[in-house]
Each structure stands twice: as structure tokens, then as C-alpha cells.
Amino acid sequence: MRIIVADDHRIMREGVQMLLADSEQIEVVGEADSGEALLDLLETVEVDAVLMDLEMPGMGGLDALDHLRTRFPDVGVVILSMHDRPDFVRRAITQGAEGYLLKSASREEVIRALETIVSGGSYIQPELVAPLVSGLGQGSPRTSDLVLTDRERQVLELMALGHDTTEMAAELGIGEATIRTHVKHLFSRLGVHNRAEAVAVGFREGLIS
């Protein structure tokens, strides 16, 4: 897995590279100190994911996310931030980040998050989920008034465990195209835009056992 580390603090970029230096799964192939530098780098380097801070000079992480989703839709994004406020997490997820970690996360958790999002899943650091679910889905259909099919509930629960499309298909004994259809229906029912949001709403509304 090839990744770029984007953070305006050199010591943080170097720290992440040292943290992942002996990982056989992950190779840091570039670093950027701003959103602009990150987007320029992505034009020249092929990567699977970006590990990115939210606050950088010039174009920050949230603004860069909008460009990333438009110009590089296949590149996964994990936010690595000092901010644990639900509004920061919520906005990052809504704008297209597949993962969110605090800078206090362990090496193992960083690797787990990157592997999960590159496989098509989503990853929110566990201690961030409870505050997040209290505010997600506001203004969308009330899920407590909806009844999910057994299959939709199974897909949502596997999603919450971090399973990607291939793993869910194998677990349920159905095709990947069918899984993608169920995921699309879930997004519509829950009034969300991505898997991380779906999982958060699922926990909040008691749809995940």
C-alpha cells in the first residue's frame, strides 16, 4: 500500500514515517505540508491512500478533501488530527474522508485504519463514535421509523465491523454487486453519504446489535 503523509509539521511527518518504517504492508512514497502541495504531489505520484491533518496553512485538510474527491476519487483518505470534536469528525466524513484518527492513535490502529479504507471500508477511532452518533443524521429520515430488511441489517452490522465489499460478500454468500446494491439502499434509507456515516447512524438508532 502506497501512501502520502500530509501535515504542516515536519516532526509529525517524520514521526509517521518512522512509525510505519518497518511495516511490510505500507510504503510512504511522499509527504506534503499543505493541501496545495498534496494535490500537486498526487498529480505525479500514484498512491492508494492519504494520511492527512485537518489544519494546514493555505488550503487545509477539509478544503483539500473536496478537491481530492473530485480529482482523485480512488484515493482513500484517513484524517489524522488532534481534534476530537464531533463537528470536526462529522464534517470530514461528510466531505468524503473514509477514516478519522486522533494523533494519539497507536501504530497498530493507524495501519488498521489504512488497510480498512483501502479495502473499501471505513474506520473511525472507537472513542470518537459515541460523540459522533449523537449528531449525525439530523435533518435526514428518522431511521427509527424505518424497518431494514434482514439482509440490510446484516450488511450494516458487517460494515460496522469494518468489513469491505469482498469480505461482506463472502460472509453472506452473495455477490459483490448485490452487496453494493444493499449499501446504496442503506445510504438512501439512512439519509447518509458514506459508510462511516451509515455506521454512526446505525449505532445511534439501535439498528446495529
N, C-alpha and C. Protein backbone atom coordinates (compact mmCIF):
# COMPACT_ATOMS: atom_id res chain seq x y z
N MET A 1 0.84 -1.18 0.00
CA MET A 1 0.00 0.00 0.00
C MET A 1 0.89 1.25 0.00
N ARG A 2 0.66 2.13 -0.94
CA ARG A 2 1.45 3.35 -1.09
C ARG A 2 0.66 4.54 -0.54
N ILE A 3 1.28 5.30 0.36
CA ILE A 3 0.55 6.41 0.97
C ILE A 3 1.39 7.69 0.94
N ILE A 4 0.67 8.82 1.08
CA ILE A 4 1.28 10.13 1.27
C ILE A 4 0.87 10.63 2.65
N VAL A 5 1.80 11.26 3.35
CA VAL A 5 1.52 11.87 4.64
C VAL A 5 1.47 13.39 4.45
N ALA A 6 0.36 14.00 4.82
CA ALA A 6 0.19 15.45 4.67
C ALA A 6 -0.03 16.09 6.03
N ASP A 7 0.92 16.90 6.44
CA ASP A 7 0.85 17.61 7.74
C ASP A 7 1.83 18.77 7.66
N ASP A 8 1.45 19.90 8.22
CA ASP A 8 2.33 21.07 8.11
C ASP A 8 3.51 21.02 9.07
N HIS A 9 3.47 20.11 10.02
CA HIS A 9 4.58 19.97 10.96
C HIS A 9 5.54 18.87 10.50
N ARG A 10 6.76 19.29 10.23
CA ARG A 10 7.76 18.34 9.73
C ARG A 10 7.99 17.20 10.72
N ILE A 11 8.01 17.53 12.00
CA ILE A 11 8.26 16.50 13.00
C ILE A 11 7.15 15.45 13.00
N MET A 12 5.93 15.88 12.69
CA MET A 12 4.82 14.94 12.63
C MET A 12 4.95 14.04 11.41
N ARG A 13 5.32 14.62 10.26
CA ARG A 13 5.50 13.81 9.06
C ARG A 13 6.61 12.79 9.26
N GLU A 14 7.70 13.23 9.84
CA GLU A 14 8.82 12.32 10.08
C GLU A 14 8.44 11.26 11.10
N GLY A 15 7.65 11.67 12.11
CA GLY A 15 7.22 10.71 13.12
C GLY A 15 6.36 9.60 12.53
N VAL A 16 5.44 9.98 11.63
CA VAL A 16 4.58 8.98 10.99
C VAL A 16 5.43 8.05 10.12
N GLN A 17 6.38 8.61 9.40
CA GLN A 17 7.24 7.77 8.56
C GLN A 17 8.03 6.79 9.41
N MET A 18 8.55 7.24 10.54
CA MET A 18 9.28 6.34 11.44
C MET A 18 8.35 5.28 12.00
N LEU A 19 7.12 5.69 12.32
CA LEU A 19 6.13 4.78 12.88
C LEU A 19 5.83 3.62 11.92
N LEU A 20 5.83 3.95 10.62
CA LEU A 20 5.44 2.95 9.62
C LEU A 20 6.63 2.35 8.89
N ALA A 21 7.85 2.73 9.29
CA ALA A 21 9.05 2.35 8.54
C ALA A 21 9.22 0.84 8.40
N ASP A 22 8.88 0.09 9.45
CA ASP A 22 9.10 -1.35 9.39
C ASP A 22 7.84 -2.13 9.00
N SER A 23 6.83 -1.41 8.51
CA SER A 23 5.62 -2.10 8.07
C SER A 23 5.82 -2.70 6.69
N GLU A 24 5.50 -3.97 6.56
CA GLU A 24 5.63 -4.64 5.27
C GLU A 24 4.47 -4.29 4.35
N GLN A 25 3.36 -3.79 4.93
CA GLN A 25 2.17 -3.51 4.14
C GLN A 25 2.15 -2.09 3.58
N ILE A 26 2.86 -1.16 4.22
CA ILE A 26 2.70 0.25 3.89
C ILE A 26 4.04 0.88 3.51
N GLU A 27 4.01 1.65 2.43
CA GLU A 27 5.19 2.40 1.99
C GLU A 27 4.80 3.88 1.87
N VAL A 28 5.50 4.73 2.61
CA VAL A 28 5.29 6.17 2.49
C VAL A 28 6.08 6.66 1.28
N VAL A 29 5.37 7.12 0.25
CA VAL A 29 6.04 7.49 -1.01
C VAL A 29 6.11 9.01 -1.21
N GLY A 30 5.57 9.77 -0.26
CA GLY A 30 5.63 11.21 -0.40
C GLY A 30 5.07 11.90 0.82
N GLU A 31 5.38 13.19 0.95
CA GLU A 31 4.85 13.99 2.05
C GLU A 31 4.54 15.39 1.55
N ALA A 32 3.58 16.03 2.20
CA ALA A 32 3.16 17.37 1.81
C ALA A 32 2.89 18.18 3.06
N ASP A 33 3.12 19.51 2.97
CA ASP A 33 2.91 20.36 4.13
C ASP A 33 1.70 21.28 3.97
N SER A 34 0.91 21.07 2.92
CA SER A 34 -0.31 21.87 2.71
C SER A 34 -1.22 21.12 1.76
N GLY A 35 -2.49 21.59 1.69
CA GLY A 35 -3.42 20.98 0.75
C GLY A 35 -2.98 21.15 -0.68
N GLU A 36 -2.46 22.34 -1.02
CA GLU A 36 -2.00 22.58 -2.38
C GLU A 36 -0.86 21.64 -2.75
N ALA A 37 0.10 21.50 -1.82
CA ALA A 37 1.24 20.62 -2.09
C ALA A 37 0.79 19.17 -2.25
N LEU A 38 -0.19 18.78 -1.47
CA LEU A 38 -0.72 17.42 -1.57
C LEU A 38 -1.34 17.17 -2.94
N LEU A 39 -2.18 18.09 -3.40
CA LEU A 39 -2.83 17.91 -4.70
C LEU A 39 -1.81 17.91 -5.83
N ASP A 40 -0.79 18.76 -5.74
CA ASP A 40 0.26 18.76 -6.76
C ASP A 40 1.00 17.43 -6.76
N LEU A 41 1.28 16.91 -5.57
CA LEU A 41 2.00 15.64 -5.47
C LEU A 41 1.18 14.49 -6.04
N LEU A 42 -0.11 14.51 -5.80
CA LEU A 42 -0.97 13.44 -6.31
C LEU A 42 -1.03 13.41 -7.83
N GLU A 43 -0.69 14.52 -8.47
CA GLU A 43 -0.64 14.56 -9.93
C GLU A 43 0.55 13.77 -10.46
N THR A 44 1.56 13.55 -9.63
CA THR A 44 2.80 12.93 -10.10
C THR A 44 3.09 11.57 -9.48
N VAL A 45 2.41 11.25 -8.38
CA VAL A 45 2.68 10.00 -7.66
C VAL A 45 1.41 9.18 -7.55
N GLU A 46 1.49 7.91 -7.86
CA GLU A 46 0.34 7.02 -7.74
C GLU A 46 0.30 6.43 -6.33
N VAL A 47 -0.82 6.65 -5.63
CA VAL A 47 -0.92 6.17 -4.25
C VAL A 47 -2.29 5.53 -4.01
N ASP A 48 -2.36 4.79 -2.92
CA ASP A 48 -3.62 4.16 -2.52
C ASP A 48 -4.37 5.00 -1.50
N ALA A 49 -3.64 5.73 -0.67
CA ALA A 49 -4.29 6.48 0.41
C ALA A 49 -3.46 7.67 0.84
N VAL A 50 -4.15 8.59 1.51
CA VAL A 50 -3.51 9.77 2.09
C VAL A 50 -3.83 9.79 3.58
N LEU A 51 -2.80 10.03 4.39
CA LEU A 51 -2.96 10.22 5.83
C LEU A 51 -2.76 11.71 6.06
N MET A 52 -3.83 12.42 6.44
CA MET A 52 -3.83 13.88 6.34
C MET A 52 -4.33 14.58 7.59
N ASP A 53 -3.65 15.66 7.94
CA ASP A 53 -4.09 16.52 9.03
C ASP A 53 -5.21 17.43 8.52
N LEU A 54 -6.03 17.95 9.44
CA LEU A 54 -7.09 18.86 9.05
C LEU A 54 -6.60 20.29 8.91
N GLU A 55 -5.72 20.72 9.81
CA GLU A 55 -5.30 22.11 9.83
C GLU A 55 -3.91 22.26 9.25
N MET A 56 -3.86 22.90 8.07
CA MET A 56 -2.60 23.20 7.40
C MET A 56 -2.71 24.60 6.82
N PRO A 57 -1.59 25.28 6.64
CA PRO A 57 -1.64 26.64 6.09
C PRO A 57 -2.14 26.63 4.65
N GLY A 58 -2.72 27.75 4.23
CA GLY A 58 -3.26 27.80 2.87
C GLY A 58 -4.49 26.92 2.79
N MET A 59 -4.48 25.99 1.88
CA MET A 59 -5.59 25.05 1.75
C MET A 59 -5.47 23.97 2.82
N GLY A 60 -6.37 23.97 3.78
CA GLY A 60 -6.34 22.98 4.84
C GLY A 60 -6.91 21.65 4.40
N GLY A 61 -6.97 20.72 5.34
CA GLY A 61 -7.41 19.37 5.02
C GLY A 61 -8.84 19.28 4.52
N LEU A 62 -9.74 20.04 5.13
CA LEU A 62 -11.14 19.96 4.73
C LEU A 62 -11.35 20.49 3.32
N ASP A 63 -10.68 21.60 2.98
CA ASP A 63 -10.79 22.12 1.62
C ASP A 63 -10.14 21.15 0.63
N ALA A 64 -9.02 20.57 1.02
CA ALA A 64 -8.35 19.61 0.14
C ALA A 64 -9.22 18.39 -0.12
N LEU A 65 -10.02 18.01 0.87
CA LEU A 65 -10.91 16.86 0.71
C LEU A 65 -11.85 17.03 -0.48
N ASP A 66 -12.41 18.23 -0.63
CA ASP A 66 -13.33 18.48 -1.74
C ASP A 66 -12.65 18.23 -3.08
N HIS A 67 -11.42 18.72 -3.22
CA HIS A 67 -10.67 18.52 -4.46
C HIS A 67 -10.26 17.06 -4.65
N LEU A 68 -9.89 16.43 -3.56
CA LEU A 68 -9.50 15.02 -3.63
C LEU A 68 -10.62 14.16 -4.16
N ARG A 69 -11.82 14.33 -3.64
CA ARG A 69 -12.95 13.51 -4.04
C ARG A 69 -13.32 13.72 -5.51
N THR A 70 -13.07 14.93 -6.00
CA THR A 70 -13.37 15.23 -7.40
C THR A 70 -12.27 14.76 -8.34
N ARG A 71 -11.03 15.05 -7.98
CA ARG A 71 -9.91 14.79 -8.89
C ARG A 71 -9.29 13.42 -8.71
N PHE A 72 -9.34 12.88 -7.49
CA PHE A 72 -8.71 11.59 -7.21
C PHE A 72 -9.66 10.70 -6.42
N PRO A 73 -10.79 10.33 -7.02
CA PRO A 73 -11.83 9.61 -6.27
C PRO A 73 -11.41 8.23 -5.77
N ASP A 74 -10.37 7.65 -6.36
CA ASP A 74 -9.95 6.30 -5.95
C ASP A 74 -8.93 6.31 -4.82
N VAL A 75 -8.50 7.48 -4.42
CA VAL A 75 -7.52 7.59 -3.33
C VAL A 75 -8.25 7.66 -2.00
N GLY A 76 -7.96 6.75 -1.10
CA GLY A 76 -8.59 6.75 0.21
C GLY A 76 -7.99 7.83 1.10
N VAL A 77 -8.78 8.33 2.03
CA VAL A 77 -8.31 9.40 2.93
C VAL A 77 -8.60 9.04 4.38
N VAL A 78 -7.55 9.07 5.19
CA VAL A 78 -7.69 8.95 6.64
C VAL A 78 -7.22 10.26 7.26
N ILE A 79 -8.09 10.89 8.01
CA ILE A 79 -7.72 12.10 8.73
C ILE A 79 -6.98 11.72 10.01
N LEU A 80 -5.85 12.36 10.24
CA LEU A 80 -5.08 12.16 11.47
C LEU A 80 -5.00 13.53 12.14
N SER A 81 -5.78 13.73 13.20
CA SER A 81 -5.97 15.06 13.76
C SER A 81 -5.87 15.06 15.28
N MET A 82 -5.62 16.24 15.83
CA MET A 82 -5.66 16.40 17.29
C MET A 82 -7.08 16.70 17.76
N HIS A 83 -7.99 16.99 16.82
CA HIS A 83 -9.34 17.40 17.17
C HIS A 83 -10.28 16.20 17.33
N ASP A 84 -10.90 16.10 18.51
CA ASP A 84 -11.86 15.02 18.74
C ASP A 84 -13.30 15.53 18.78
N ARG A 85 -13.51 16.81 18.44
CA ARG A 85 -14.86 17.37 18.46
C ARG A 85 -15.73 16.72 17.39
N PRO A 86 -16.97 16.35 17.74
CA PRO A 86 -17.85 15.68 16.76
C PRO A 86 -18.05 16.48 15.48
N ASP A 87 -18.07 17.83 15.57
CA ASP A 87 -18.29 18.61 14.36
C ASP A 87 -17.13 18.48 13.38
N PHE A 88 -15.90 18.34 13.89
CA PHE A 88 -14.76 18.11 13.01
C PHE A 88 -14.87 16.75 12.35
N VAL A 89 -15.16 15.74 13.15
CA VAL A 89 -15.27 14.38 12.62
C VAL A 89 -16.40 14.30 11.59
N ARG A 90 -17.54 14.88 11.95
CA ARG A 90 -18.73 14.83 11.09
C ARG A 90 -18.47 15.50 9.75
N ARG A 91 -17.84 16.67 9.79
CA ARG A 91 -17.60 17.38 8.54
C ARG A 91 -16.61 16.62 7.66
N ALA A 92 -15.57 16.06 8.26
CA ALA A 92 -14.59 15.31 7.49
C ALA A 92 -15.24 14.11 6.80
N ILE A 93 -16.10 13.40 7.53
CA ILE A 93 -16.77 12.24 6.97
C ILE A 93 -17.73 12.66 5.86
N THR A 94 -18.49 13.70 6.12
CA THR A 94 -19.46 14.18 5.13
C THR A 94 -18.77 14.61 3.84
N GLN A 95 -17.58 15.18 3.96
CA GLN A 95 -16.86 15.64 2.79
C GLN A 95 -16.07 14.55 2.10
N GLY A 96 -16.12 13.33 2.62
CA GLY A 96 -15.54 12.22 1.88
C GLY A 96 -14.40 11.46 2.48
N ALA A 97 -13.97 11.80 3.71
CA ALA A 97 -12.93 11.00 4.35
C ALA A 97 -13.48 9.64 4.73
N GLU A 98 -12.71 8.61 4.49
CA GLU A 98 -13.14 7.25 4.86
C GLU A 98 -12.71 6.86 6.27
N GLY A 99 -11.77 7.62 6.83
CA GLY A 99 -11.29 7.29 8.16
C GLY A 99 -10.95 8.53 8.96
N TYR A 100 -11.00 8.39 10.29
CA TYR A 100 -10.66 9.51 11.17
C TYR A 100 -9.96 8.95 12.41
N LEU A 101 -8.74 9.43 12.65
CA LEU A 101 -7.95 9.02 13.81
C LEU A 101 -7.45 10.25 14.55
N LEU A 102 -7.22 10.07 15.84
CA LEU A 102 -6.55 11.10 16.62
C LEU A 102 -5.04 10.88 16.54
N LYS A 103 -4.29 11.94 16.76
CA LYS A 103 -2.83 11.81 16.68
C LYS A 103 -2.26 10.97 17.81
N SER A 104 -3.10 10.65 18.75
CA SER A 104 -2.68 9.76 19.84
C SER A 104 -2.85 8.29 19.48
N ALA A 105 -3.36 8.01 18.28
CA ALA A 105 -3.60 6.61 17.87
C ALA A 105 -2.30 5.82 17.84
N SER A 106 -2.43 4.54 18.12
CA SER A 106 -1.26 3.66 18.11
C SER A 106 -0.86 3.32 16.67
N ARG A 107 0.34 2.82 16.53
CA ARG A 107 0.83 2.36 15.22
C ARG A 107 -0.11 1.33 14.63
N GLU A 108 -0.53 0.37 15.48
CA GLU A 108 -1.41 -0.70 15.01
C GLU A 108 -2.73 -0.14 14.50
N GLU A 109 -3.25 0.89 15.18
CA GLU A 109 -4.53 1.45 14.76
C GLU A 109 -4.39 2.23 13.45
N VAL A 110 -3.29 2.92 13.28
CA VAL A 110 -3.05 3.63 12.01
C VAL A 110 -3.01 2.64 10.86
N ILE A 111 -2.29 1.55 11.04
CA ILE A 111 -2.20 0.53 10.00
C ILE A 111 -3.57 -0.09 9.74
N ARG A 112 -4.30 -0.39 10.81
CA ARG A 112 -5.64 -0.99 10.66
C ARG A 112 -6.56 -0.06 9.88
N ALA A 113 -6.52 1.22 10.20
CA ALA A 113 -7.38 2.19 9.51
C ALA A 113 -7.04 2.27 8.03
N LEU A 114 -5.76 2.33 7.71
CA LEU A 114 -5.34 2.42 6.31
C LEU A 114 -5.73 1.17 5.54
N GLU A 115 -5.51 0.01 6.14
CA GLU A 115 -5.87 -1.24 5.47
C GLU A 115 -7.38 -1.32 5.25
N THR A 116 -8.14 -0.86 6.23
CA THR A 116 -9.60 -0.92 6.13
C THR A 116 -10.13 -0.04 5.02
N ILE A 117 -9.65 1.19 4.94
CA ILE A 117 -10.21 2.10 3.94
C ILE A 117 -9.74 1.75 2.53
N VAL A 118 -8.53 1.22 2.40
CA VAL A 118 -8.05 0.82 1.08
C VAL A 118 -8.82 -0.40 0.58
N SER A 119 -9.33 -1.21 1.51
CA SER A 119 -10.14 -2.38 1.15
C SER A 119 -11.59 -2.02 0.87
N GLY A 120 -11.93 -0.75 0.99
CA GLY A 120 -13.29 -0.32 0.69
C GLY A 120 -14.16 -0.08 1.90
N GLY A 121 -13.59 -0.18 3.11
CA GLY A 121 -14.36 0.04 4.32
C GLY A 121 -14.17 1.44 4.86
N SER A 122 -14.61 1.67 6.07
CA SER A 122 -14.43 2.94 6.74
C SER A 122 -13.96 2.67 8.16
N TYR A 123 -13.24 3.64 8.74
CA TYR A 123 -12.70 3.43 10.08
C TYR A 123 -12.73 4.73 10.87
N ILE A 124 -13.46 4.72 11.96
CA ILE A 124 -13.47 5.84 12.90
C ILE A 124 -12.93 5.32 14.22
N GLN A 125 -11.96 6.00 14.79
CA GLN A 125 -11.40 5.57 16.07
C GLN A 125 -12.53 5.36 17.07
N PRO A 126 -12.58 4.19 17.72
CA PRO A 126 -13.74 3.81 18.54
C PRO A 126 -14.23 4.86 19.52
N GLU A 127 -13.31 5.55 20.20
CA GLU A 127 -13.76 6.51 21.21
C GLU A 127 -14.41 7.76 20.60
N LEU A 128 -14.32 7.90 19.28
CA LEU A 128 -14.96 9.04 18.62
C LEU A 128 -16.38 8.73 18.18
N VAL A 129 -16.76 7.47 18.18
CA VAL A 129 -18.06 7.08 17.63
C VAL A 129 -19.21 7.58 18.49
N ALA A 130 -19.15 7.38 19.81
CA ALA A 130 -20.27 7.76 20.67
C ALA A 130 -20.63 9.24 20.57
N PRO A 131 -19.63 10.17 20.65
CA PRO A 131 -20.00 11.58 20.49
C PRO A 131 -20.52 11.89 19.09
N LEU A 132 -20.00 11.18 18.10
CA LEU A 132 -20.40 11.44 16.72
C LEU A 132 -21.85 11.07 16.46
N VAL A 133 -22.29 9.94 16.98
CA VAL A 133 -23.63 9.46 16.65
C VAL A 133 -24.72 10.34 17.23
N SER A 134 -24.40 11.15 18.22
CA SER A 134 -25.43 11.99 18.81
C SER A 134 -25.87 13.11 17.87
N GLY A 135 -25.05 13.40 16.86
CA GLY A 135 -25.41 14.49 15.97
C GLY A 135 -25.59 14.11 14.52
N LEU A 136 -25.13 12.93 14.12
CA LEU A 136 -25.25 12.56 12.72
C LEU A 136 -26.68 12.24 12.33
N GLY A 137 -26.98 12.49 11.08
CA GLY A 137 -28.28 12.13 10.53
C GLY A 137 -29.36 13.12 10.83
N GLN A 138 -29.03 14.25 11.48
CA GLN A 138 -30.05 15.25 11.75
C GLN A 138 -30.54 15.85 10.44
N GLY A 139 -31.85 15.98 10.30
CA GLY A 139 -32.42 16.50 9.07
C GLY A 139 -32.66 15.44 8.03
N SER A 140 -32.25 14.19 8.31
CA SER A 140 -32.50 13.09 7.39
C SER A 140 -33.65 12.26 7.94
N PRO A 141 -34.16 11.29 7.14
CA PRO A 141 -35.28 10.49 7.61
C PRO A 141 -34.97 9.82 8.94
N ARG A 142 -35.92 9.78 9.84
CA ARG A 142 -35.69 9.14 11.13
C ARG A 142 -35.67 7.64 10.95
N THR A 143 -34.48 7.06 11.19
CA THR A 143 -34.30 5.65 10.94
C THR A 143 -35.13 4.79 11.88
N SER A 144 -35.48 5.32 13.04
CA SER A 144 -36.27 4.54 13.97
C SER A 144 -37.67 4.26 13.42
N ASP A 145 -38.10 5.05 12.44
CA ASP A 145 -39.40 4.84 11.82
C ASP A 145 -39.30 3.90 10.61
N LEU A 146 -38.09 3.47 10.29
CA LEU A 146 -37.88 2.60 9.13
C LEU A 146 -37.57 1.18 9.61
N VAL A 147 -37.91 0.24 8.81
CA VAL A 147 -37.60 -1.15 9.10
C VAL A 147 -36.65 -1.66 8.02
N LEU A 148 -35.45 -2.03 8.43
CA LEU A 148 -34.49 -2.60 7.49
C LEU A 148 -34.83 -4.05 7.24
N THR A 149 -34.53 -4.51 6.03
CA THR A 149 -34.66 -5.93 5.77
C THR A 149 -33.57 -6.67 6.54
N ASP A 150 -33.74 -7.96 6.72
CA ASP A 150 -32.73 -8.75 7.43
C ASP A 150 -31.37 -8.61 6.76
N ARG A 151 -31.37 -8.62 5.42
CA ARG A 151 -30.11 -8.54 4.69
C ARG A 151 -29.46 -7.17 4.85
N GLU A 152 -30.28 -6.12 4.82
CA GLU A 152 -29.73 -4.78 5.00
C GLU A 152 -29.12 -4.62 6.39
N ARG A 153 -29.78 -5.21 7.38
CA ARG A 153 -29.24 -5.13 8.74
C ARG A 153 -27.92 -5.90 8.83
N GLN A 154 -27.85 -7.06 8.18
CA GLN A 154 -26.61 -7.84 8.18
C GLN A 154 -25.48 -7.05 7.54
N VAL A 155 -25.78 -6.41 6.42
CA VAL A 155 -24.76 -5.62 5.73
C VAL A 155 -24.29 -4.47 6.60
N LEU A 156 -25.22 -3.79 7.27
CA LEU A 156 -24.87 -2.67 8.13
C LEU A 156 -24.00 -3.13 9.30
N GLU A 157 -24.33 -4.26 9.88
CA GLU A 157 -23.54 -4.77 11.01
C GLU A 157 -22.13 -5.17 10.57
N LEU A 158 -22.01 -5.78 9.39
CA LEU A 158 -20.68 -6.13 8.88
C LEU A 158 -19.90 -4.87 8.53
N MET A 159 -20.59 -3.86 8.05
CA MET A 159 -19.97 -2.58 7.76
C MET A 159 -19.39 -1.99 9.03
N ALA A 160 -20.14 -2.12 10.12
CA ALA A 160 -19.69 -1.59 11.41
C ALA A 160 -18.44 -2.30 11.91
N LEU A 161 -18.26 -3.54 11.51
CA LEU A 161 -17.08 -4.31 11.90
C LEU A 161 -15.88 -4.01 11.01
N GLY A 162 -16.09 -3.13 10.01
CA GLY A 162 -15.00 -2.73 9.13
C GLY A 162 -14.81 -3.62 7.92
N HIS A 163 -15.77 -4.52 7.65
CA HIS A 163 -15.64 -5.42 6.51
C HIS A 163 -15.78 -4.64 5.20
N ASP A 164 -14.97 -4.98 4.21
CA ASP A 164 -15.12 -4.36 2.90
C ASP A 164 -16.12 -5.15 2.07
N THR A 165 -16.35 -4.71 0.84
CA THR A 165 -17.37 -5.34 -0.01
C THR A 165 -17.08 -6.81 -0.26
N THR A 166 -15.83 -7.13 -0.53
CA THR A 166 -15.45 -8.53 -0.81
C THR A 166 -15.69 -9.41 0.41
N GLU A 167 -15.31 -8.92 1.59
CA GLU A 167 -15.49 -9.69 2.81
C GLU A 167 -16.96 -9.89 3.15
N MET A 168 -17.78 -8.84 2.94
CA MET A 168 -19.21 -8.97 3.20
C MET A 168 -19.85 -9.97 2.26
N ALA A 169 -19.44 -9.95 1.00
CA ALA A 169 -19.98 -10.89 0.02
C ALA A 169 -19.65 -12.33 0.42
N ALA A 170 -18.41 -12.55 0.86
CA ALA A 170 -18.00 -13.89 1.27
C ALA A 170 -18.75 -14.34 2.52
N GLU A 171 -18.90 -13.43 3.48
CA GLU A 171 -19.58 -13.74 4.74
C GLU A 171 -21.04 -14.10 4.52
N LEU A 172 -21.69 -13.39 3.60
CA LEU A 172 -23.13 -13.58 3.38
C LEU A 172 -23.43 -14.53 2.23
N GLY A 173 -22.41 -14.93 1.50
CA GLY A 173 -22.62 -15.87 0.41
C GLY A 173 -23.37 -15.28 -0.77
N ILE A 174 -23.16 -13.98 -1.03
CA ILE A 174 -23.81 -13.33 -2.17
C ILE A 174 -22.76 -12.56 -2.96
N GLY A 175 -23.13 -12.07 -4.14
CA GLY A 175 -22.19 -11.40 -4.99
C GLY A 175 -21.85 -9.99 -4.54
N GLU A 176 -20.69 -9.50 -4.96
CA GLU A 176 -20.27 -8.17 -4.59
C GLU A 176 -21.20 -7.11 -5.16
N ALA A 177 -21.73 -7.35 -6.36
CA ALA A 177 -22.67 -6.39 -6.95
C ALA A 177 -23.93 -6.25 -6.09
N THR A 178 -24.37 -7.39 -5.52
CA THR A 178 -25.54 -7.36 -4.64
C THR A 178 -25.24 -6.58 -3.36
N ILE A 179 -24.03 -6.76 -2.83
CA ILE A 179 -23.62 -6.01 -1.64
C ILE A 179 -23.66 -4.51 -1.94
N ARG A 180 -23.13 -4.12 -3.09
CA ARG A 180 -23.11 -2.70 -3.43
C ARG A 180 -24.53 -2.14 -3.56
N THR A 181 -25.44 -2.97 -4.05
CA THR A 181 -26.84 -2.54 -4.16
C THR A 181 -27.44 -2.33 -2.77
N HIS A 182 -27.18 -3.26 -1.85
CA HIS A 182 -27.67 -3.12 -0.48
C HIS A 182 -27.09 -1.86 0.19
N VAL A 183 -25.81 -1.61 -0.04
CA VAL A 183 -25.16 -0.43 0.54
C VAL A 183 -25.82 0.85 0.01
N LYS A 184 -26.08 0.87 -1.29
CA LYS A 184 -26.74 2.04 -1.90
C LYS A 184 -28.11 2.28 -1.28
N HIS A 185 -28.88 1.19 -1.09
CA HIS A 185 -30.20 1.31 -0.49
C HIS A 185 -30.11 1.80 0.96
N LEU A 186 -29.10 1.30 1.69
CA LEU A 186 -28.91 1.72 3.08
C LEU A 186 -28.62 3.22 3.16
N PHE A 187 -27.75 3.70 2.28
CA PHE A 187 -27.44 5.13 2.28
C PHE A 187 -28.70 5.95 2.08
N SER A 188 -29.54 5.50 1.15
CA SER A 188 -30.77 6.23 0.86
C SER A 188 -31.72 6.20 2.06
N ARG A 189 -31.87 5.03 2.67
CA ARG A 189 -32.79 4.88 3.81
C ARG A 189 -32.33 5.71 5.01
N LEU A 190 -31.02 5.73 5.23
CA LEU A 190 -30.48 6.39 6.42
C LEU A 190 -30.20 7.87 6.19
N GLY A 191 -30.27 8.31 4.96
CA GLY A 191 -30.01 9.72 4.66
C GLY A 191 -28.56 10.10 4.85
N VAL A 192 -27.65 9.19 4.46
CA VAL A 192 -26.22 9.44 4.64
C VAL A 192 -25.51 9.36 3.30
N HIS A 193 -24.20 9.66 3.33
CA HIS A 193 -23.45 9.72 2.09
C HIS A 193 -22.32 8.69 1.99
N ASN A 194 -21.95 8.10 3.09
CA ASN A 194 -20.85 7.13 3.04
C ASN A 194 -20.98 6.12 4.18
N ARG A 195 -20.08 5.15 4.20
CA ARG A 195 -20.18 4.05 5.16
C ARG A 195 -19.96 4.49 6.59
N ALA A 196 -19.03 5.42 6.80
CA ALA A 196 -18.78 5.87 8.17
C ALA A 196 -20.03 6.51 8.76
N GLU A 197 -20.71 7.34 7.98
CA GLU A 197 -21.96 7.95 8.44
C GLU A 197 -23.03 6.89 8.69
N ALA A 198 -23.12 5.91 7.80
CA ALA A 198 -24.14 4.86 7.94
C ALA A 198 -23.95 4.10 9.26
N VAL A 199 -22.71 3.78 9.57
CA VAL A 199 -22.42 3.07 10.81
C VAL A 199 -22.78 3.92 12.02
N ALA A 200 -22.42 5.21 11.97
CA ALA A 200 -22.72 6.09 13.09
C ALA A 200 -24.22 6.20 13.33
N VAL A 201 -24.99 6.39 12.25
CA VAL A 201 -26.45 6.47 12.40
C VAL A 201 -27.00 5.14 12.87
N GLY A 202 -26.44 4.05 12.38
CA GLY A 202 -26.90 2.73 12.80
C GLY A 202 -26.78 2.51 14.29
N PHE A 203 -25.65 2.94 14.86
CA PHE A 203 -25.47 2.83 16.31
C PHE A 203 -26.45 3.74 17.04
N ARG A 204 -26.60 4.97 16.57
CA ARG A 204 -27.44 5.92 17.25
C ARG A 204 -28.90 5.45 17.32
N GLU A 205 -29.36 4.86 16.24
CA GLU A 205 -30.76 4.46 16.15
C GLU A 205 -31.03 3.02 16.61
N GLY A 206 -29.98 2.36 17.11
CA GLY A 206 -30.17 0.99 17.60
C GLY A 206 -30.38 -0.03 16.50
N LEU A 207 -29.91 0.28 15.29
CA LEU A 207 -30.06 -0.66 14.17
C LEU A 207 -28.96 -1.70 14.14
N ILE A 208 -27.91 -1.45 14.91
CA ILE A 208 -26.80 -2.39 14.98
C ILE A 208 -26.81 -3.01 16.35
N SER A 209 -26.88 -4.31 16.40
CA SER A 209 -27.00 -5.00 17.70
C SER A 209 -25.62 -5.21 18.32
